[in-house]
Amino acid sequence: MLNKKNIKRALRTRSKLRRVNNSRFRLSVYRSSRNISAQIIDDKSNKTLVSASSLKKDPNKQKKKKTDISIDVATILAERAAEKKITKVYFDRGSYRFHGRIKVFADTLRKKGLTF
């Protein structure tokens, strides 16, 4: 559930990032209690260029840790971004603090070739 503090934190983070990064796409992350999803957005044309989510139904899905799920989604997103030749983005973590699954997600993206 979003409260006023979380909304203000997300808006503050986005406004600072938009001022600094004009020539890059935005990598927005959403985290729920069990899943994680991310998308790379072009703010100039308001289009989603690449997206990845852990909500995709997998018949061979085994029970995984949340950090492993974050690593998988980051790998998929990095591969799709490489297909579209996207290498530079800015990381919009929204109202989430940079630790835990968000940090693992960001570190995996850096290892796979995205720079932010």
Protein backbone atom coordinates (compact mmCIF):
# COMPACT_ATOMS: atom_id res chain seq x y z
CA MET A 1 0.00 0.00 0.00
CA LEU A 2 1.34 3.39 -0.93
CA ASN A 3 1.25 6.08 1.67
CA LYS A 4 2.15 9.75 1.38
CA LYS A 5 5.78 9.22 2.38
CA ASN A 6 6.35 6.65 -0.34
CA ILE A 7 4.69 8.77 -3.01
CA LYS A 8 6.72 11.84 -2.03
CA ARG A 9 9.94 9.79 -2.03
CA ALA A 10 9.18 8.42 -5.51
CA LEU A 11 8.38 11.86 -6.92
CA ARG A 12 11.49 13.37 -5.33
CA THR A 13 13.68 10.62 -6.80
CA ARG A 14 12.19 10.95 -10.29
CA SER A 15 12.40 14.74 -10.36
CA LYS A 16 16.10 14.71 -9.42
CA LEU A 17 16.87 12.08 -12.01
CA ARG A 18 15.01 13.87 -14.80
CA ARG A 19 16.93 17.08 -14.17
CA VAL A 20 20.29 15.34 -14.38
CA ASN A 21 19.71 12.81 -17.17
CA ASN A 22 18.34 14.30 -20.37
CA SER A 23 19.85 12.00 -22.97
CA ARG A 24 19.13 8.64 -21.34
CA PHE A 25 16.15 6.35 -21.03
CA ARG A 26 14.55 5.67 -17.65
CA LEU A 27 14.72 2.21 -16.08
CA SER A 28 11.72 2.01 -13.77
CA VAL A 29 11.40 -0.80 -11.21
CA TYR A 30 8.28 -2.07 -9.46
CA ARG A 31 8.55 -4.48 -6.56
CA SER A 32 5.74 -6.28 -4.81
CA SER A 33 5.97 -8.68 -1.91
CA ARG A 34 6.58 -11.63 -4.23
CA ASN A 35 7.33 -10.36 -7.75
CA ILE A 36 9.43 -7.75 -9.50
CA SER A 37 9.03 -6.03 -12.84
CA ALA A 38 10.97 -3.39 -14.72
CA GLN A 39 10.71 -1.41 -17.90
CA ILE A 40 12.85 0.95 -19.89
CA ILE A 41 10.88 4.07 -20.81
CA ASP A 42 11.53 6.86 -23.28
CA ASP A 43 10.18 9.91 -21.44
CA LYS A 44 10.34 12.16 -24.49
CA SER A 45 7.84 10.08 -26.46
CA ASN A 46 6.17 8.42 -23.43
CA LYS A 47 6.75 4.91 -24.79
CA THR A 48 7.89 1.72 -23.11
CA LEU A 49 10.81 0.32 -25.09
CA VAL A 50 11.64 -2.87 -23.16
CA SER A 51 9.98 -4.64 -20.25
CA ALA A 52 10.45 -7.76 -18.15
CA SER A 53 8.48 -9.25 -15.29
CA SER A 54 8.47 -12.22 -12.98
CA LEU A 55 4.71 -12.68 -13.45
CA LYS A 56 5.22 -14.66 -16.64
CA LYS A 57 3.73 -18.13 -16.21
CA ASP A 58 6.35 -20.85 -16.41
CA PRO A 59 5.18 -24.49 -16.36
CA ASN A 60 8.53 -25.69 -14.96
CA LYS A 61 8.51 -23.03 -12.28
CA GLN A 62 10.17 -24.15 -9.13
CA LYS A 63 10.04 -22.32 -5.87
CA LYS A 64 12.85 -19.75 -5.92
CA LYS A 65 14.14 -17.13 -3.55
CA LYS A 66 13.11 -13.56 -4.22
CA THR A 67 16.68 -12.50 -4.96
CA ASP A 68 16.99 -15.29 -7.55
CA ILE A 69 13.81 -14.05 -9.20
CA SER A 70 15.31 -10.53 -9.33
CA ILE A 71 18.45 -11.89 -10.98
CA ASP A 72 16.40 -13.74 -13.59
CA VAL A 73 14.29 -10.68 -14.46
CA ALA A 74 17.39 -8.47 -14.68
CA THR A 75 19.05 -10.93 -17.03
CA ILE A 76 16.00 -11.01 -19.31
CA LEU A 77 15.75 -7.20 -19.29
CA ALA A 78 19.44 -6.78 -20.11
CA GLU A 79 19.18 -9.21 -23.04
CA ARG A 80 16.14 -7.41 -24.45
CA ALA A 81 17.85 -4.03 -24.03
CA ALA A 82 20.93 -5.33 -25.85
CA GLU A 83 18.70 -6.41 -28.76
CA LYS A 84 17.39 -2.81 -29.00
CA LYS A 85 20.97 -1.45 -28.60
CA ILE A 86 20.22 0.31 -25.32
CA THR A 87 23.28 0.65 -23.10
CA LYS A 88 22.82 3.85 -21.09
CA VAL A 89 19.86 4.32 -18.77
CA TYR A 90 19.15 5.99 -15.47
CA PHE A 91 17.86 3.87 -12.62
CA ASP A 92 14.50 4.98 -11.23
CA ARG A 93 14.06 3.00 -8.05
CA GLY A 94 10.86 4.86 -7.20
CA SER A 95 10.00 4.74 -3.52
CA TYR A 96 12.13 1.66 -2.84
CA ARG A 97 15.38 1.91 -0.94
CA PHE A 98 18.53 0.74 -2.66
CA HIS A 99 19.08 -2.52 -0.79
CA GLY A 100 17.96 -6.11 -0.96
CA ARG A 101 16.26 -7.18 -4.17
CA ILE A 102 16.58 -3.75 -5.77
CA LYS A 103 20.34 -3.70 -5.21
CA VAL A 104 20.74 -7.27 -6.54
CA PHE A 105 18.66 -6.30 -9.56
CA ALA A 106 20.82 -3.23 -10.27
CA ASP A 107 24.09 -5.12 -9.79
CA THR A 108 22.99 -7.83 -12.20
CA LEU A 109 22.08 -5.23 -14.83
CA ARG A 110 25.50 -3.62 -14.47
CA LYS A 111 27.21 -6.99 -14.92
CA LYS A 112 25.16 -7.65 -18.06
CA GLY A 113 26.23 -4.41 -19.74
CA LEU A 114 23.81 -1.61 -18.82
CA THR A 115 25.44 1.53 -17.47
CA PHE A 116 23.81 3.85 -14.99
